Amino acid sequence: MHAVFEGVAATQLQVLLPYLIEEKKFFTLDQLNLLIRSHSYGYSEVQTKPSQIKKDDTYHVKQSASQMMTLIRLLPFLSGSYIDDDDVHWDCYCLLWLICDMIVKAYLECFTFLYSHINVTPKMHYLIHLPEQME
């Protein structure tokens, strides 16, 4: 999952954010960072709250895998209302969002099937709720 959240997702946001912020001007980086900073994070998200996004020549979306997972999951709720419904760049991001949802669901189904005798850890329990939160 690190490949998705630290690799693919970071690259997606590094190309999406300049488009949303500079080209389309749907919102500013300051507005996005304010949304990230002021969001009311749930109990399972407090430890994975995304870091502020920085920009010099490029957008720095430096997050841990768990922070990126939270950011990917929450971005539609934080900024989706600013973005046109028919934007193809946003549609591409939404595909990534769906892929992340499928990965989590597939992993949990596989783990619980193979290791039904093992107690689910709290972090795994939080994963159980991610698909519903992403919908």
Protein backbone atom coordinates (compact mmCIF):
# COMPACT_ATOMS: atom_id res chain seq x y z
CA MET A 1 0.00 0.00 0.00
CA HIS A 2 3.01 2.26 0.42
CA ALA A 3 3.51 2.23 -3.36
CA VAL A 4 0.03 3.62 -3.81
CA PHE A 5 -0.02 6.16 -1.01
CA GLU A 6 3.59 7.35 -1.08
CA GLY A 7 4.18 6.96 -4.81
CA VAL A 8 1.13 7.10 -7.03
CA ALA A 9 -0.96 9.37 -4.81
CA ALA A 10 1.89 11.83 -4.26
CA THR A 11 2.50 12.08 -8.00
CA GLN A 12 -1.22 12.50 -8.67
CA LEU A 13 -1.44 15.39 -6.22
CA GLN A 14 1.76 17.00 -7.51
CA VAL A 15 0.18 17.32 -10.95
CA LEU A 16 -3.41 17.89 -9.83
CA LEU A 17 -2.79 20.70 -7.34
CA PRO A 18 -1.13 23.12 -9.80
CA TYR A 19 -4.00 22.49 -12.18
CA LEU A 20 -6.70 23.09 -9.54
CA ILE A 21 -4.95 26.02 -7.87
CA GLU A 22 -3.04 27.86 -10.59
CA GLU A 23 -4.75 26.98 -13.84
CA LYS A 24 -8.40 26.67 -12.83
CA LYS A 25 -8.17 28.81 -9.67
CA PHE A 26 -10.78 26.70 -7.90
CA PHE A 27 -9.08 27.59 -4.60
CA THR A 28 -5.71 28.78 -3.32
CA LEU A 29 -3.01 26.80 -1.58
CA ASP A 30 -3.67 28.82 1.57
CA GLN A 31 -7.36 27.89 1.40
CA LEU A 32 -6.52 24.22 0.94
CA ASN A 33 -4.07 24.27 3.83
CA LEU A 34 -6.67 26.00 5.99
CA LEU A 35 -9.17 23.27 5.12
CA ILE A 36 -6.59 20.60 6.02
CA ARG A 37 -5.64 22.37 9.24
CA SER A 38 -9.16 23.15 10.43
CA HIS A 39 -10.89 19.90 9.49
CA SER A 40 -12.43 18.09 12.44
CA TYR A 41 -10.50 14.83 12.31
CA GLY A 42 -12.08 11.75 13.80
CA TYR A 43 -10.50 9.58 16.45
CA SER A 44 -8.92 7.27 13.89
CA GLU A 45 -7.54 10.20 11.87
CA VAL A 46 -5.85 12.28 14.57
CA GLN A 47 -2.56 10.41 14.27
CA THR A 48 -2.67 10.54 10.46
CA LYS A 49 -3.64 14.19 9.98
CA PRO A 50 -2.00 15.38 6.74
CA SER A 51 0.84 17.88 6.87
CA GLN A 52 0.51 21.27 5.26
CA ILE A 53 1.26 21.35 1.55
CA LYS A 54 4.17 23.60 0.61
CA LYS A 55 5.14 25.18 -2.66
CA ASP A 56 8.27 26.71 -4.07
CA ASP A 57 8.82 25.73 -7.71
CA THR A 58 6.59 22.69 -7.26
CA TYR A 59 3.97 21.51 -4.82
CA HIS A 60 5.46 19.45 -2.00
CA VAL A 61 3.00 16.81 -0.95
CA LYS A 62 5.37 15.18 1.51
CA GLN A 63 3.26 12.87 3.64
CA SER A 64 3.71 9.49 5.27
CA ALA A 65 1.68 6.67 3.73
CA SER A 66 -0.95 6.97 6.47
CA GLN A 67 -1.13 10.76 6.09
CA MET A 68 -1.49 10.40 2.33
CA MET A 69 -4.24 7.83 2.77
CA THR A 70 -6.10 10.33 4.96
CA LEU A 71 -5.49 13.18 2.52
CA ILE A 72 -6.60 11.13 -0.50
CA ARG A 73 -9.72 10.04 1.34
CA LEU A 74 -10.62 13.51 2.62
CA LEU A 75 -9.70 15.71 -0.34
CA PRO A 76 -13.12 15.37 -2.01
CA PHE A 77 -14.78 16.43 1.24
CA LEU A 78 -12.37 19.29 1.81
CA SER A 79 -12.27 20.75 -1.68
CA GLY A 80 -14.76 18.89 -3.86
CA SER A 81 -17.41 21.59 -3.58
CA TYR A 82 -15.02 24.06 -5.26
CA ILE A 83 -14.43 21.88 -8.33
CA ASP A 84 -16.59 21.61 -11.44
CA ASP A 85 -18.46 18.30 -11.67
CA ASP A 86 -17.32 17.67 -15.24
CA ASP A 87 -13.61 18.32 -14.73
CA VAL A 88 -11.62 15.45 -16.28
CA HIS A 89 -8.58 16.09 -14.08
CA TRP A 90 -10.77 15.69 -11.01
CA ASP A 91 -12.30 12.56 -12.58
CA CYS A 92 -8.80 11.09 -12.87
CA TYR A 93 -8.21 11.79 -9.18
CA CYS A 94 -11.55 10.16 -8.35
CA LEU A 95 -10.37 7.01 -10.12
CA LEU A 96 -7.38 6.92 -7.78
CA TRP A 97 -9.76 7.41 -4.87
CA LEU A 98 -11.77 4.39 -6.04
CA ILE A 99 -8.61 2.30 -6.47
CA CYS A 100 -7.60 3.09 -2.89
CA ASP A 101 -11.06 2.04 -1.74
CA MET A 102 -10.78 -1.25 -3.63
CA ILE A 103 -7.31 -1.96 -2.22
CA VAL A 104 -8.50 -1.50 1.34
CA LYS A 105 -11.60 -3.64 0.82
CA ALA A 106 -9.67 -6.42 -0.93
CA TYR A 107 -6.98 -6.50 1.74
CA LEU A 108 -9.44 -6.67 4.60
CA GLU A 109 -11.49 -9.40 2.96
CA CYS A 110 -8.37 -11.45 2.26
CA PHE A 111 -6.89 -11.00 5.73
CA THR A 112 -10.06 -11.86 7.60
CA PHE A 113 -10.62 -14.92 5.40
CA LEU A 114 -7.07 -16.25 5.77
CA TYR A 115 -6.50 -15.32 9.39
CA SER A 116 -9.93 -15.54 10.98
CA HIS A 117 -8.29 -16.89 14.15
CA ILE A 118 -6.27 -13.67 14.62
CA ASN A 119 -7.76 -10.72 16.45
CA VAL A 120 -8.05 -7.63 14.30
CA THR A 121 -5.76 -4.85 15.55
CA PRO A 122 -7.12 -1.35 16.20
CA LYS A 123 -5.42 -0.02 13.05
CA MET A 124 -7.01 -2.78 11.01
CA HIS A 125 -10.34 -1.98 12.60
CA TYR A 126 -9.98 1.63 11.40
CA LEU A 127 -9.42 0.32 7.88
CA ILE A 128 -12.77 -1.42 8.08
CA HIS A 129 -14.46 1.99 8.26
CA LEU A 130 -12.48 3.62 5.44
CA PRO A 131 -14.64 2.37 2.56
CA GLU A 132 -17.80 3.80 4.13
CA GLN A 133 -16.05 7.09 4.87
CA MET A 134 -14.80 7.29 1.27
CA GLU A 135 -18.27 6.91 -0.26
